Amino acid sequence: MENNPKNVIDVIAPAAVEINSNFLKLGDKLAKTLFIFSYPRFLSTGWFSSVINMPDLIDISIFIHPVETNLALKQLRKKAAQVESQIYEKQEKGVVRDPMLETAFQDIEGLRDSLQQAREQLFNVSVYITIYADKIEELNKLEGRITNLLESRLVYVKPALFQQIEGFNSSLPLGQDRLLIYNPLNSGPLSSFFPFTSADLTSEEGILYGINQSNNSMIIFDRFSLENANMVVFAKAGAGKSYAVKLEALRLLMMGTDILIIDPENEYEALSSSVGGSYFRISLASQHHINPFDIPIIPKDEDPSDVLRSHIVNIAGLLKLMMGQLTPEEDALLDRAISETYASHDIAPGKDFSKAIPPLLEDLQKILENMEGGKTMAQRLYKYTQGSYAGFTNQPTNVDIKNRLIVFSIRDLEEELRPIAMYIVLNFIWSLIRAELKKRVLIVDEAWVLMKYEDGASFMFGLVKRCRKYFLGVTTITQDVEDFLKSPYGRPIITNSSLQLLLKQSPTMIDLIIKSFGLTEGEKNLLLEAAVGEGLFFAGLNHVAIKIIASYLEDKIVTTKPEQILQQRGE
């Protein structure tokens, strides 16, 4: 083919164009151009991003025509005089004041000051949106969605009636404004049109978290490069939070990081079996047991007596979860009873207890029964030592922890036992972490279960606050944001987490999320309208819109969709 402009046009042009009053037919496609003709008094940052990020086939053209400042000032002076004369006229007639006129006058005067001082500039702005569909019904439906979306922000659009060909040409990448339908806007409101810029979180080290939706760059980040490696994940049910965390865990394992997981719904079993991890089911009838009275492994650089005292404090917190509210007298008695229980097995500060056999919960019960004022407390422990829960809390530890991925499943436990199980497992993991300095990530799914109880929340906060010096990052996942933040330790856990991942939120929780994370109006709308696996990724002071993506093999391993799981099983 010769390099002839006419030949190029023939190649890229449709076979035929059918022009109707309010749409065009380009070959097999229908197209309709809309234009914005009215804006509210204030435009929030990122208000246009909801239209730009729509998954439908849409072309958007924005034409910005600068207006000379002296000309703009002359027009504004004339307009100010007109509005002021209307105000005086109403005052002379004794008509009740018109707040709309007074506000308009103040806005005009404010803009005149800004233009005169060169703090702002005036522009004539045209915005055209061309939508495409295969059927007229689909075209009208898409128009309705865009119209409703913009009108909810007090931005009004109209179709370019009898000017569809001019509208279509205006939305082509030719830089030609054929409609010339514009609104005057100064620099501030105009800047809200552009949600395209964002922080660049592509680094040389780390793992892929997803795609930056603003500029399509990869979000590659090392969570251990920040002041702490903690992360919180908030999302409504089905928004993809477990999917995102499993994907991160799989990629961290490939980079040499050990992973520890508390799994409340058996969601991490496929991940564990795929990479050869250890999967422990904690239940009343399980063969896997963790004795909460196990002697913690003593780190080389720490005093055994101090480690033991810290462990006794943690055991006291667990027992308060088991027994419920204690009086100050009972609290003091419990502390003494725990120390005596360990002492009965030659485990005491100042002694070498490295080879001692740890006590069980039933040993503490016996000590309490023989202490004045302790019988009632001992009775409260009965169901955990000899009653229906004895198989869970009153057995020696028999789990093998020599693996790079360790998952503790608590799905088969009764609801009442879940916070207790999470506490026992976390305390066990904490002892493991203190014993050896290694790069690790601890994932606590459905953390709100533990956060509902003061002692559980306090333990969780202590873990998040102290883990940095042990080369540990804690990932806290929850869908019940309200319960999590109601705890006095909820917000401190957020502030002690340098990474935050917010996926789709429910309208009832969004105000709480905005207050807790200081979100803008645009970020709020993004979280309300996000698809599964989309949201906001916060790394320190950087905020980016993220889309979680996985390879085909990764998706098969980490998927939580029941239909995909059944398909893989061949059912």
Protein backbone atom coordinates (compact mmCIF):
# COMPACT_ATOMS: atom_id res chain seq x y z
CA MET A 1 0.00 0.00 0.00
CA GLU A 2 1.29 3.46 -0.85
CA ASN A 3 1.82 5.91 1.97
CA ASN A 4 -1.24 7.93 0.97
CA PRO A 5 -3.34 9.74 3.63
CA LYS A 6 -6.53 8.70 1.81
CA ASN A 7 -5.57 5.03 2.01
CA VAL A 8 -4.84 5.32 5.77
CA ILE A 9 -8.23 6.94 6.35
CA ASP A 10 -9.95 4.15 4.43
CA VAL A 11 -8.26 1.55 6.66
CA ILE A 12 -9.15 3.10 10.03
CA ALA A 13 -12.61 4.48 9.13
CA PRO A 14 -15.75 2.35 9.63
CA ALA A 15 -17.46 0.89 6.55
CA ALA A 16 -20.46 3.16 7.08
CA VAL A 17 -21.78 5.77 9.51
CA GLU A 18 -25.48 6.07 10.26
CA ILE A 19 -26.31 9.41 11.90
CA ASN A 20 -29.38 9.62 14.16
CA SER A 21 -30.57 12.46 16.36
CA ASN A 22 -29.04 11.10 19.55
CA PHE A 23 -26.63 8.30 18.53
CA LEU A 24 -24.38 7.09 15.72
CA LYS A 25 -24.01 3.65 14.19
CA LEU A 26 -20.38 2.96 13.30
CA GLY A 27 -20.29 -0.39 11.52
CA ASP A 28 -21.73 -2.81 14.14
CA LYS A 29 -21.17 -0.45 17.09
CA LEU A 30 -23.46 2.24 18.48
CA ALA A 31 -21.97 5.44 19.89
CA LYS A 32 -23.43 8.36 21.80
CA THR A 33 -21.69 11.55 22.96
CA LEU A 34 -22.65 13.31 26.20
CA PHE A 35 -21.41 16.69 27.39
CA ILE A 36 -21.21 18.22 30.88
CA PHE A 37 -23.15 21.47 31.12
CA SER A 38 -23.38 22.18 34.85
CA TYR A 39 -21.16 21.79 37.93
CA PRO A 40 -21.79 22.23 41.68
CA ARG A 41 -20.30 25.09 43.67
CA PHE A 42 -17.51 22.81 44.98
CA LEU A 43 -15.78 19.90 43.22
CA SER A 44 -14.06 17.35 45.46
CA THR A 45 -10.74 15.81 44.46
CA GLY A 46 -11.10 12.70 42.29
CA TRP A 47 -14.84 13.14 41.61
CA PHE A 48 -14.32 12.19 37.95
CA SER A 49 -12.33 9.00 38.69
CA SER A 50 -15.49 6.90 39.09
CA VAL A 51 -16.35 7.57 35.41
CA ILE A 52 -12.76 7.18 34.17
CA ASN A 53 -12.37 3.83 35.94
CA MET A 54 -15.63 2.34 34.62
CA PRO A 55 -14.96 -1.01 32.90
CA ASP A 56 -17.16 -0.14 29.90
CA LEU A 57 -15.91 1.12 26.54
CA ILE A 58 -15.79 4.91 26.97
CA ASP A 59 -13.85 7.75 25.32
CA ILE A 60 -13.41 10.98 27.29
CA SER A 61 -12.12 14.28 25.90
CA ILE A 62 -11.31 17.31 28.05
CA PHE A 63 -10.59 20.61 26.28
CA ILE A 64 -9.08 23.41 28.35
CA HIS A 65 -9.06 26.88 26.79
CA PRO A 66 -7.20 29.51 28.85
CA VAL A 67 -8.95 32.86 29.26
CA GLU A 68 -6.84 36.02 29.39
CA THR A 69 -6.83 37.40 32.92
CA ASN A 70 -7.62 41.02 31.94
CA LEU A 71 -10.59 39.85 29.86
CA ALA A 72 -11.80 37.59 32.69
CA LEU A 73 -11.52 40.44 35.20
CA LYS A 74 -13.54 42.73 32.95
CA GLN A 75 -16.31 40.14 32.60
CA LEU A 76 -16.31 39.39 36.31
CA ARG A 77 -16.52 43.11 37.17
CA LYS A 78 -19.54 43.41 34.91
CA LYS A 79 -21.12 40.33 36.42
CA ALA A 80 -20.45 41.55 39.97
CA ALA A 81 -22.16 44.86 39.15
CA GLN A 82 -25.22 43.01 37.80
CA VAL A 83 -25.54 40.79 40.88
CA GLU A 84 -24.98 43.69 43.25
CA SER A 85 -27.67 45.76 41.51
CA GLN A 86 -30.12 42.86 41.88
CA ILE A 87 -29.35 42.68 45.60
CA TYR A 88 -29.93 46.47 46.05
CA GLU A 89 -33.12 46.31 44.02
CA LYS A 90 -34.55 43.61 46.29
CA GLN A 91 -33.51 45.57 49.39
CA GLU A 92 -35.26 48.73 48.13
CA LYS A 93 -38.47 46.76 47.49
CA GLY A 94 -38.26 45.25 50.98
CA VAL A 95 -38.01 41.71 49.61
CA VAL A 96 -36.51 39.09 51.93
CA ARG A 97 -32.79 38.68 51.30
CA ASP A 98 -31.75 36.13 48.68
CA PRO A 99 -28.85 33.96 50.01
CA MET A 100 -28.18 32.62 46.50
CA LEU A 101 -27.45 36.10 45.14
CA GLU A 102 -25.29 37.01 48.13
CA THR A 103 -23.27 33.78 47.81
CA ALA A 104 -22.82 34.39 44.07
CA PHE A 105 -21.56 37.92 44.76
CA GLN A 106 -19.05 36.67 47.37
CA ASP A 107 -17.80 33.96 44.98
CA ILE A 108 -17.35 36.49 42.15
CA GLU A 109 -15.43 38.87 44.41
CA GLY A 110 -13.27 36.04 45.74
CA LEU A 111 -12.43 34.93 42.21
CA ARG A 112 -11.62 38.51 41.17
CA ASP A 113 -9.17 38.76 44.08
CA SER A 114 -7.53 35.44 43.18
CA LEU A 115 -7.15 36.42 39.51
CA GLN A 116 -5.82 39.86 40.36
CA GLN A 117 -3.21 38.37 42.71
CA ALA A 118 -2.31 35.65 40.15
CA ARG A 119 -3.24 32.87 42.60
CA GLU A 120 -5.76 31.46 40.11
CA GLN A 121 -6.38 31.48 36.39
CA LEU A 122 -9.66 31.15 34.49
CA PHE A 123 -10.30 28.52 31.80
CA ASN A 124 -13.14 27.54 29.50
CA VAL A 125 -13.47 23.79 29.95
CA SER A 126 -15.31 21.34 27.67
CA VAL A 127 -15.86 17.72 28.72
CA TYR A 128 -17.25 15.15 26.26
CA ILE A 129 -17.99 11.50 27.07
CA THR A 130 -18.59 9.10 24.16
CA ILE A 131 -20.06 5.73 25.13
CA TYR A 132 -20.26 2.58 23.00
CA ALA A 133 -22.52 -0.49 22.95
CA ASP A 134 -23.78 -3.20 20.62
CA LYS A 135 -27.49 -2.59 21.23
CA ILE A 136 -29.55 0.54 21.82
CA GLU A 137 -30.81 -0.86 25.14
CA GLU A 138 -27.23 -1.34 26.37
CA LEU A 139 -26.35 2.17 25.20
CA ASN A 140 -29.26 3.73 27.10
CA LYS A 141 -28.47 1.67 30.19
CA LEU A 142 -24.83 2.84 30.19
CA GLU A 143 -25.96 6.45 29.66
CA GLY A 144 -28.29 6.11 32.65
CA ARG A 145 -25.48 4.77 34.87
CA ILE A 146 -23.14 7.63 33.94
CA THR A 147 -25.90 10.21 34.36
CA ASN A 148 -26.88 8.88 37.80
CA LEU A 149 -23.25 8.62 38.87
CA LEU A 150 -22.52 12.24 37.96
CA GLU A 151 -25.84 13.66 39.15
CA SER A 152 -25.17 12.15 42.58
CA ARG A 153 -22.25 14.61 42.64
CA LEU A 154 -24.44 17.45 41.28
CA VAL A 155 -22.71 17.29 37.89
CA TYR A 156 -25.22 17.29 35.02
CA VAL A 157 -24.83 15.88 31.51
CA LYS A 158 -26.87 15.91 28.29
CA PRO A 159 -26.61 14.05 24.98
CA ALA A 160 -25.49 16.15 22.01
CA LEU A 161 -28.86 16.07 20.20
CA PHE A 162 -28.58 16.49 16.41
CA GLN A 163 -24.83 17.04 16.90
CA GLN A 164 -23.68 13.46 17.45
CA ILE A 165 -21.19 13.51 14.56
CA GLU A 166 -19.62 16.71 15.94
CA GLY A 167 -19.58 15.17 19.42
CA PHE A 168 -17.96 11.98 18.17
CA ASN A 169 -15.27 13.93 16.30
CA SER A 170 -14.63 15.99 19.44
CA SER A 171 -13.91 12.82 21.44
CA LEU A 172 -11.45 11.45 18.86
CA PRO A 173 -7.73 11.97 19.59
CA LEU A 174 -7.54 14.80 17.07
CA GLY A 175 -7.54 17.71 19.50
CA GLN A 176 -10.50 19.38 17.79
CA ASP A 177 -13.40 20.76 19.81
CA ARG A 178 -16.28 20.69 17.32
CA LEU A 179 -19.08 21.22 19.87
CA LEU A 180 -17.61 24.20 21.76
CA ILE A 181 -19.85 23.67 24.78
CA TYR A 182 -17.80 24.89 27.72
CA ASN A 183 -18.01 26.11 31.31
CA PRO A 184 -15.75 28.67 32.95
CA LEU A 185 -13.65 27.08 35.71
CA ASN A 186 -10.73 28.42 37.69
CA SER A 187 -7.56 26.46 38.51
CA GLY A 188 -8.75 24.87 41.78
CA PRO A 189 -11.88 23.10 40.48
CA LEU A 190 -10.13 22.23 37.22
CA SER A 191 -7.39 20.36 39.08
CA SER A 192 -10.04 17.99 40.52
CA PHE A 193 -10.53 16.53 37.01
CA PHE A 194 -7.21 14.76 37.10
CA PRO A 195 -7.01 11.65 39.29
CA PHE A 196 -4.32 10.24 37.04
CA THR A 197 -1.27 11.02 39.16
CA SER A 198 -0.37 8.76 42.05
CA ALA A 199 2.58 7.65 44.12
CA ASP A 200 4.91 5.26 42.35
CA LEU A 201 5.44 2.14 44.49
CA THR A 202 7.67 0.23 42.10
CA SER A 203 10.90 -0.64 43.92
CA GLU A 204 13.88 -2.87 43.22
CA GLU A 205 13.11 -5.24 46.10
CA GLY A 206 9.99 -6.86 47.46
CA ILE A 207 7.02 -8.68 45.95
CA LEU A 208 4.24 -7.76 43.54
CA TYR A 209 1.11 -6.65 45.41
CA GLY A 210 -0.92 -5.60 42.36
CA ILE A 211 -1.36 -3.03 39.63
CA ASN A 212 -1.58 0.72 40.24
CA GLN A 213 -4.95 1.58 38.69
CA SER A 214 -3.99 5.21 38.17
CA ASN A 215 -0.98 4.66 35.92
CA ASN A 216 -0.91 0.86 35.30
CA SER A 217 2.51 0.52 36.93
CA MET A 218 3.34 -2.49 39.09
CA ILE A 219 3.18 -2.12 42.87
CA ILE A 220 6.35 -3.93 43.95
CA PHE A 221 7.12 -3.32 47.58
CA ASP A 222 9.13 -4.72 50.49
CA ARG A 223 7.08 -4.40 53.67
CA PHE A 224 10.23 -4.82 55.78
CA SER A 225 11.68 -1.61 54.30
CA LEU A 226 9.33 0.56 56.42
CA GLU A 227 9.63 1.47 60.11
CA ASN A 228 7.59 -1.66 60.85
CA ALA A 229 6.35 -4.54 58.69
CA ASN A 230 2.81 -4.67 60.10
CA MET A 231 -0.26 -4.57 57.87
CA VAL A 232 -4.01 -4.23 58.39
CA VAL A 233 -6.56 -5.46 55.84
CA PHE A 234 -10.15 -4.18 56.06
CA ALA A 235 -12.92 -5.23 53.66
CA LYS A 236 -16.49 -6.44 53.56
CA ALA A 237 -17.22 -10.15 53.07
CA GLY A 238 -16.43 -11.33 49.55
CA ALA A 239 -14.25 -8.33 48.64
CA GLY A 240 -11.11 -10.46 48.21
CA LYS A 241 -9.19 -9.83 51.43
CA SER A 242 -8.21 -13.48 52.09
CA TYR A 243 -7.35 -13.88 48.39
CA ALA A 244 -5.00 -10.87 48.55
CA VAL A 245 -3.32 -12.05 51.77
CA LYS A 246 -2.84 -15.62 50.50
CA LEU A 247 -1.30 -14.26 47.33
CA GLU A 248 1.10 -12.14 49.39
CA ALA A 249 1.97 -15.15 51.59
CA LEU A 250 2.73 -17.31 48.54
CA ARG A 251 5.02 -14.67 47.05
CA LEU A 252 6.75 -13.97 50.39
CA LEU A 253 7.50 -17.70 50.73
CA MET A 254 9.25 -17.60 47.35
CA MET A 255 11.37 -14.70 48.62
CA GLY A 256 12.54 -16.61 51.72
CA THR A 257 10.12 -15.27 54.36
CA ASP A 258 8.55 -17.74 56.83
CA ILE A 259 4.75 -17.55 57.22
CA LEU A 260 2.60 -18.30 60.28
CA ILE A 261 -1.20 -18.22 59.89
CA ILE A 262 -4.24 -18.40 62.17
CA ASP A 263 -7.02 -19.69 59.92
CA PRO A 264 -10.62 -19.40 61.21
CA GLU A 265 -12.35 -20.91 58.13
CA ASN A 266 -9.94 -23.49 56.59
CA GLU A 267 -9.23 -21.02 53.78
CA TYR A 268 -5.47 -21.60 53.84
CA GLU A 269 -5.49 -25.42 53.58
CA ALA A 270 -5.02 -25.46 49.79
CA LEU A 271 -2.11 -23.02 50.10
CA SER A 272 -0.49 -25.17 52.79
CA SER A 273 -0.82 -28.43 50.82
CA SER A 274 0.44 -26.77 47.61
CA VAL A 275 3.74 -25.65 49.16
CA GLY A 276 4.21 -28.52 51.63
CA GLY A 277 3.36 -26.52 54.74
CA SER A 278 2.27 -27.80 58.15
CA TYR A 279 -1.48 -27.63 58.74
CA PHE A 280 -2.73 -28.11 62.30
CA ARG A 281 -6.44 -28.46 63.09
CA ILE A 282 -7.20 -27.21 66.59
CA SER A 283 -10.50 -28.65 67.85
CA LEU A 284 -12.02 -30.60 70.72
CA ALA A 285 -11.42 -33.92 68.96
CA SER A 286 -8.18 -32.99 67.19
CA GLN A 287 -4.93 -34.92 67.49
CA HIS A 288 -3.01 -31.62 67.55
CA HIS A 289 -2.61 -29.95 70.94
CA ILE A 290 -0.90 -26.87 72.34
CA ASN A 291 -0.33 -26.70 76.09
CA PRO A 292 -0.71 -23.04 77.15
CA PHE A 293 1.61 -23.75 80.13
CA ASP A 294 4.52 -24.79 77.90
CA ILE A 295 7.82 -23.29 79.04
CA PRO A 296 8.83 -20.67 76.47
CA ILE A 297 12.10 -21.14 74.60
CA ILE A 298 14.67 -18.84 76.19
CA PRO A 299 16.45 -16.56 73.67
CA LYS A 300 20.22 -16.43 74.04
CA ASP A 301 20.36 -12.74 74.90
CA GLU A 302 17.49 -12.70 77.44
CA ASP A 303 17.26 -13.53 81.15
CA PRO A 304 15.24 -16.76 81.73
CA SER A 305 13.59 -15.22 84.79
CA ASP A 306 12.33 -12.23 82.81
CA VAL A 307 11.01 -14.49 80.04
CA LEU A 308 9.17 -16.63 82.60
CA ARG A 309 7.57 -13.61 84.30
CA SER A 310 6.42 -12.25 80.92
CA HIS A 311 4.98 -15.67 80.10
CA ILE A 312 3.07 -15.77 83.40
CA VAL A 313 1.48 -12.41 82.54
CA ASN A 314 0.35 -13.84 79.18
CA ILE A 315 -1.06 -16.98 80.89
CA ALA A 316 -3.01 -14.73 83.28
CA GLY A 317 -4.56 -12.94 80.29
CA LEU A 318 -5.62 -16.29 78.79
CA LEU A 319 -7.20 -17.45 82.05
CA LYS A 320 -9.20 -14.23 82.29
CA LEU A 321 -10.63 -15.05 78.86
CA MET A 322 -11.57 -18.50 80.16
CA MET A 323 -13.03 -17.48 83.50
CA GLY A 324 -14.56 -14.13 82.61
CA GLN A 325 -14.47 -10.99 84.74
CA LEU A 326 -12.32 -11.20 87.88
CA THR A 327 -12.26 -8.98 90.94
CA PRO A 328 -8.92 -7.35 91.92
CA GLU A 329 -8.61 -9.92 94.75
CA GLU A 330 -9.20 -12.82 92.36
CA ASP A 331 -6.71 -11.32 89.91
CA ALA A 332 -3.99 -11.21 92.56
CA LEU A 333 -4.86 -14.74 93.68
CA LEU A 334 -4.65 -16.02 90.11
CA ASP A 335 -1.19 -14.52 89.62
CA ARG A 336 0.04 -16.25 92.77
CA ALA A 337 -1.58 -19.55 91.76
CA ILE A 338 0.13 -19.54 88.34
CA SER A 339 3.54 -18.95 89.95
CA GLU A 340 2.93 -21.78 92.46
CA THR A 341 1.78 -24.11 89.66
CA TYR A 342 5.10 -23.61 87.86
CA ALA A 343 7.03 -23.84 91.15
CA SER A 344 5.44 -27.26 91.81
CA HIS A 345 7.31 -28.47 88.70
CA ASP A 346 10.60 -26.78 89.74
CA ILE A 347 10.03 -23.92 87.32
CA ALA A 348 10.79 -20.65 89.06
CA PRO A 349 12.89 -17.51 88.55
CA GLY A 350 16.54 -18.14 89.41
CA LYS A 351 16.40 -21.88 88.67
CA ASP A 352 17.49 -23.85 85.62
CA PHE A 353 14.14 -25.06 84.23
CA SER A 354 15.29 -25.77 80.67
CA LYS A 355 14.65 -29.53 81.05
CA ALA A 356 11.63 -29.36 83.36
CA ILE A 357 8.29 -30.90 82.38
CA PRO A 358 5.68 -28.13 82.08
CA PRO A 359 2.44 -28.30 84.10
CA LEU A 360 -1.05 -28.60 82.65
CA LEU A 361 -4.18 -26.58 83.29
CA GLU A 362 -5.44 -29.24 85.72
CA ASP A 363 -2.39 -28.57 87.91
CA LEU A 364 -3.44 -24.95 88.24
CA GLN A 365 -6.96 -26.06 89.12
CA LYS A 366 -5.62 -28.22 91.96
CA ILE A 367 -3.54 -25.34 93.28
CA LEU A 368 -6.58 -23.03 93.26
CA GLU A 369 -8.75 -25.61 95.04
CA ASN A 370 -6.27 -25.65 97.94
CA MET A 371 -5.97 -21.85 98.17
CA GLU A 372 -8.25 -19.78 100.36
CA GLY A 373 -10.76 -18.02 98.10
CA GLY A 374 -9.73 -20.05 95.06
CA LYS A 375 -12.39 -22.79 94.99
CA THR A 376 -14.87 -20.72 92.97
CA MET A 377 -12.17 -19.93 90.42
CA ALA A 378 -11.21 -23.61 90.26
CA GLN A 379 -14.84 -24.52 89.52
CA ARG A 380 -14.85 -22.08 86.59
CA LEU A 381 -11.93 -24.04 85.10
CA TYR A 382 -13.69 -27.42 85.38
CA LYS A 383 -15.02 -27.49 81.82
CA TYR A 384 -11.50 -26.80 80.50
CA THR A 385 -9.78 -29.49 82.61
CA GLN A 386 -12.28 -32.34 82.99
CA GLY A 387 -15.39 -31.11 81.20
CA SER A 388 -16.35 -30.85 77.53
CA TYR A 389 -13.37 -28.62 76.60
CA ALA A 390 -10.67 -30.72 78.32
CA GLY A 391 -9.39 -32.28 75.09
CA PHE A 392 -8.53 -28.83 73.77
CA THR A 393 -6.84 -27.00 76.68
CA ASN A 394 -5.53 -29.73 78.99
CA GLN A 395 -3.10 -31.74 76.83
CA PRO A 396 0.69 -31.64 76.28
CA THR A 397 1.95 -29.95 73.11
CA ASN A 398 2.53 -32.31 70.18
CA VAL A 399 2.80 -30.06 67.09
CA ASP A 400 5.92 -30.00 64.91
CA ILE A 401 6.89 -26.44 64.11
CA LYS A 402 9.85 -27.14 61.82
CA ASN A 403 8.39 -25.75 58.61
CA ARG A 404 8.46 -22.48 56.67
CA LEU A 405 4.66 -22.32 56.44
CA ILE A 406 2.62 -23.20 59.53
CA VAL A 407 -1.17 -22.89 59.59
CA PHE A 408 -3.36 -23.29 62.68
CA SER A 409 -7.00 -23.95 61.76
CA ILE A 410 -9.65 -23.16 64.40
CA ARG A 411 -12.73 -23.59 62.17
CA ASP A 412 -13.99 -26.69 63.96
CA LEU A 413 -13.98 -25.03 67.37
CA GLU A 414 -17.16 -23.76 68.99
CA GLU A 415 -17.68 -20.00 68.80
CA GLU A 416 -17.04 -19.63 72.54
CA LEU A 417 -13.63 -21.28 72.25
CA ARG A 418 -12.34 -19.32 69.22
CA PRO A 419 -10.91 -16.31 71.08
CA ILE A 420 -9.28 -18.66 73.60
CA ALA A 421 -7.76 -20.73 70.80
CA MET A 422 -6.46 -17.63 69.02
CA TYR A 423 -4.87 -16.44 72.25
CA ILE A 424 -3.20 -19.83 72.92
CA VAL A 425 -1.89 -20.11 69.36
CA LEU A 426 -0.64 -16.50 69.32
CA ASN A 427 1.15 -16.99 72.63
CA PHE A 428 2.71 -20.19 71.29
CA ILE A 429 3.79 -18.39 68.11
CA TRP A 430 5.17 -15.46 70.11
CA SER A 431 7.41 -17.83 72.09
CA LEU A 432 8.57 -19.38 68.82
CA ILE A 433 9.35 -15.96 67.31
CA ARG A 434 11.34 -14.76 70.33
CA ALA A 435 13.46 -17.92 70.30
CA GLU A 436 15.04 -17.33 66.88
CA LEU A 437 15.58 -14.17 64.84
CA LYS A 438 14.20 -14.84 61.33
CA LYS A 439 12.22 -12.88 58.75
CA ARG A 440 8.62 -13.89 59.37
CA VAL A 441 5.06 -12.75 58.72
CA LEU A 442 2.21 -13.66 61.06
CA ILE A 443 -1.30 -13.57 59.52
CA VAL A 444 -4.24 -13.27 61.93
CA ASP A 445 -7.46 -13.72 59.95
CA GLU A 446 -10.76 -12.47 61.44
CA ALA A 447 -8.84 -10.65 64.18
CA TRP A 448 -12.05 -9.01 65.44
CA VAL A 449 -12.86 -12.33 67.21
CA LEU A 450 -9.97 -11.69 69.60
CA MET A 451 -10.38 -7.90 69.62
CA LYS A 452 -13.86 -8.19 71.21
CA TYR A 453 -12.22 -9.11 74.54
CA GLU A 454 -10.01 -6.64 76.40
CA ASP A 455 -7.32 -9.18 77.35
CA GLY A 456 -7.23 -10.57 73.81
CA ALA A 457 -7.04 -7.08 72.29
CA SER A 458 -4.30 -6.09 74.73
CA PHE A 459 -2.25 -9.17 73.81
CA MET A 460 -2.75 -8.49 70.10
CA PHE A 461 -1.62 -4.87 70.50
CA GLY A 462 1.46 -5.94 72.47
CA LEU A 463 2.36 -8.36 69.70
CA VAL A 464 1.99 -5.69 67.00
CA LYS A 465 3.98 -3.16 69.00
CA ARG A 466 6.90 -5.41 69.94
CA CYS A 467 7.29 -7.58 66.84
CA ARG A 468 9.57 -5.20 64.89
CA LYS A 469 12.71 -6.02 66.87
CA TYR A 470 12.11 -9.74 66.21
CA PHE A 471 12.01 -9.25 62.40
CA LEU A 472 8.29 -10.04 62.34
CA GLY A 473 5.45 -8.41 60.43
CA VAL A 474 1.88 -8.96 61.66
CA THR A 475 -1.00 -8.94 59.14
CA THR A 476 -4.35 -8.26 60.80
CA ILE A 477 -7.43 -9.10 58.70
CA THR A 478 -11.00 -8.23 59.61
CA GLN A 479 -14.38 -7.67 58.00
CA ASP A 480 -16.07 -6.42 61.18
CA VAL A 481 -14.48 -2.98 61.24
CA GLU A 482 -16.84 -1.63 63.88
CA ASP A 483 -16.03 -4.32 66.47
CA PHE A 484 -12.33 -3.94 65.73
CA LEU A 485 -12.31 -0.17 66.18
CA LYS A 486 -14.57 -0.24 69.24
CA SER A 487 -11.69 -1.79 71.15
CA PRO A 488 -9.36 0.78 72.76
CA TYR A 489 -6.51 -1.13 71.09
CA GLY A 490 -8.03 -1.09 67.59
CA ARG A 491 -6.81 2.33 66.48
CA PRO A 492 -3.32 1.89 68.04
CA ILE A 493 -2.94 -1.32 66.02
CA ILE A 494 -3.72 0.67 62.85
CA THR A 495 -1.26 3.43 63.74
CA ASN A 496 1.40 0.78 64.44
CA SER A 497 0.87 -0.75 60.98
CA SER A 498 2.81 0.95 58.19
CA LEU A 499 0.90 -0.95 55.49
CA GLN A 500 -2.86 -0.81 55.07
CA LEU A 501 -5.02 -2.49 52.44
CA LEU A 502 -8.62 -1.33 52.14
CA LEU A 503 -10.83 -3.19 49.70
CA LYS A 504 -14.55 -2.72 48.95
CA GLN A 505 -16.46 -1.34 51.95
CA SER A 506 -20.15 -1.35 52.83
CA PRO A 507 -21.96 2.03 52.96
CA THR A 508 -22.76 1.50 56.66
CA MET A 509 -19.05 1.26 57.56
CA ILE A 510 -17.58 3.83 55.18
CA ASP A 511 -17.88 6.82 57.54
CA LEU A 512 -15.95 4.92 60.22
CA ILE A 513 -13.28 3.99 57.66
CA ILE A 514 -13.00 7.63 56.49
CA LYS A 515 -12.50 8.84 60.05
CA SER A 516 -9.97 6.13 60.91
CA PHE A 517 -7.83 6.45 57.76
CA GLY A 518 -8.39 10.13 56.82
CA LEU A 519 -9.70 9.34 53.33
CA THR A 520 -10.61 11.94 50.72
CA GLU A 521 -14.01 12.05 49.03
CA GLY A 522 -12.52 10.44 45.92
CA GLU A 523 -10.99 7.59 47.96
CA LYS A 524 -14.34 7.08 49.70
CA ASN A 525 -16.14 6.71 46.36
CA LEU A 526 -13.46 4.33 45.10
CA LEU A 527 -13.97 2.00 48.09
CA LEU A 528 -17.75 2.06 47.70
CA GLU A 529 -17.65 1.31 43.97
CA ALA A 530 -14.63 -1.04 43.89
CA ALA A 531 -14.88 -4.44 42.26
CA VAL A 532 -13.60 -7.61 43.96
CA GLY A 533 -9.84 -7.35 44.49
CA GLU A 534 -9.75 -3.56 44.05
CA GLY A 535 -9.18 -0.88 46.67
CA LEU A 536 -6.55 1.34 48.28
CA PHE A 537 -3.01 0.35 49.23
CA PHE A 538 -1.27 2.54 51.82
CA ALA A 539 2.49 2.24 52.25
CA GLY A 540 3.65 4.81 54.76
CA LEU A 541 2.47 8.19 53.43
CA ASN A 542 1.81 6.90 49.89
CA HIS A 543 -1.75 6.03 48.81
CA VAL A 544 -2.44 4.23 45.54
CA ALA A 545 -5.50 2.62 43.96
CA ILE A 546 -4.66 -1.08 43.63
CA LYS A 547 -6.00 -4.03 41.67
CA ILE A 548 -4.92 -7.43 42.99
CA ILE A 549 -3.85 -9.75 40.16
CA ALA A 550 -2.64 -13.33 40.14
CA SER A 551 -1.17 -15.69 37.56
CA TYR A 552 -3.19 -18.72 36.45
CA LEU A 553 -1.32 -21.09 38.78
CA GLU A 554 -1.45 -18.67 41.73
CA ASP A 555 -5.19 -18.22 41.22
CA LYS A 556 -5.76 -21.99 41.38
CA ILE A 557 -3.87 -22.13 44.69
CA VAL A 558 -5.37 -19.11 46.48
CA THR A 559 -8.92 -18.94 45.09
CA THR A 560 -11.79 -18.92 47.57
CA LYS A 561 -14.63 -19.14 45.04
CA PRO A 562 -16.67 -22.30 45.75
CA GLU A 563 -17.35 -22.92 42.06
CA GLN A 564 -13.61 -22.86 41.24
CA ILE A 565 -12.76 -25.13 44.18
CA LEU A 566 -15.41 -27.67 43.13
CA GLN A 567 -14.17 -27.54 39.54
CA GLN A 568 -10.60 -28.26 40.68
CA ARG A 569 -11.83 -31.20 42.73
CA GLY A 570 -13.69 -32.50 39.68
CA GLU A 571 -17.07 -32.41 41.42
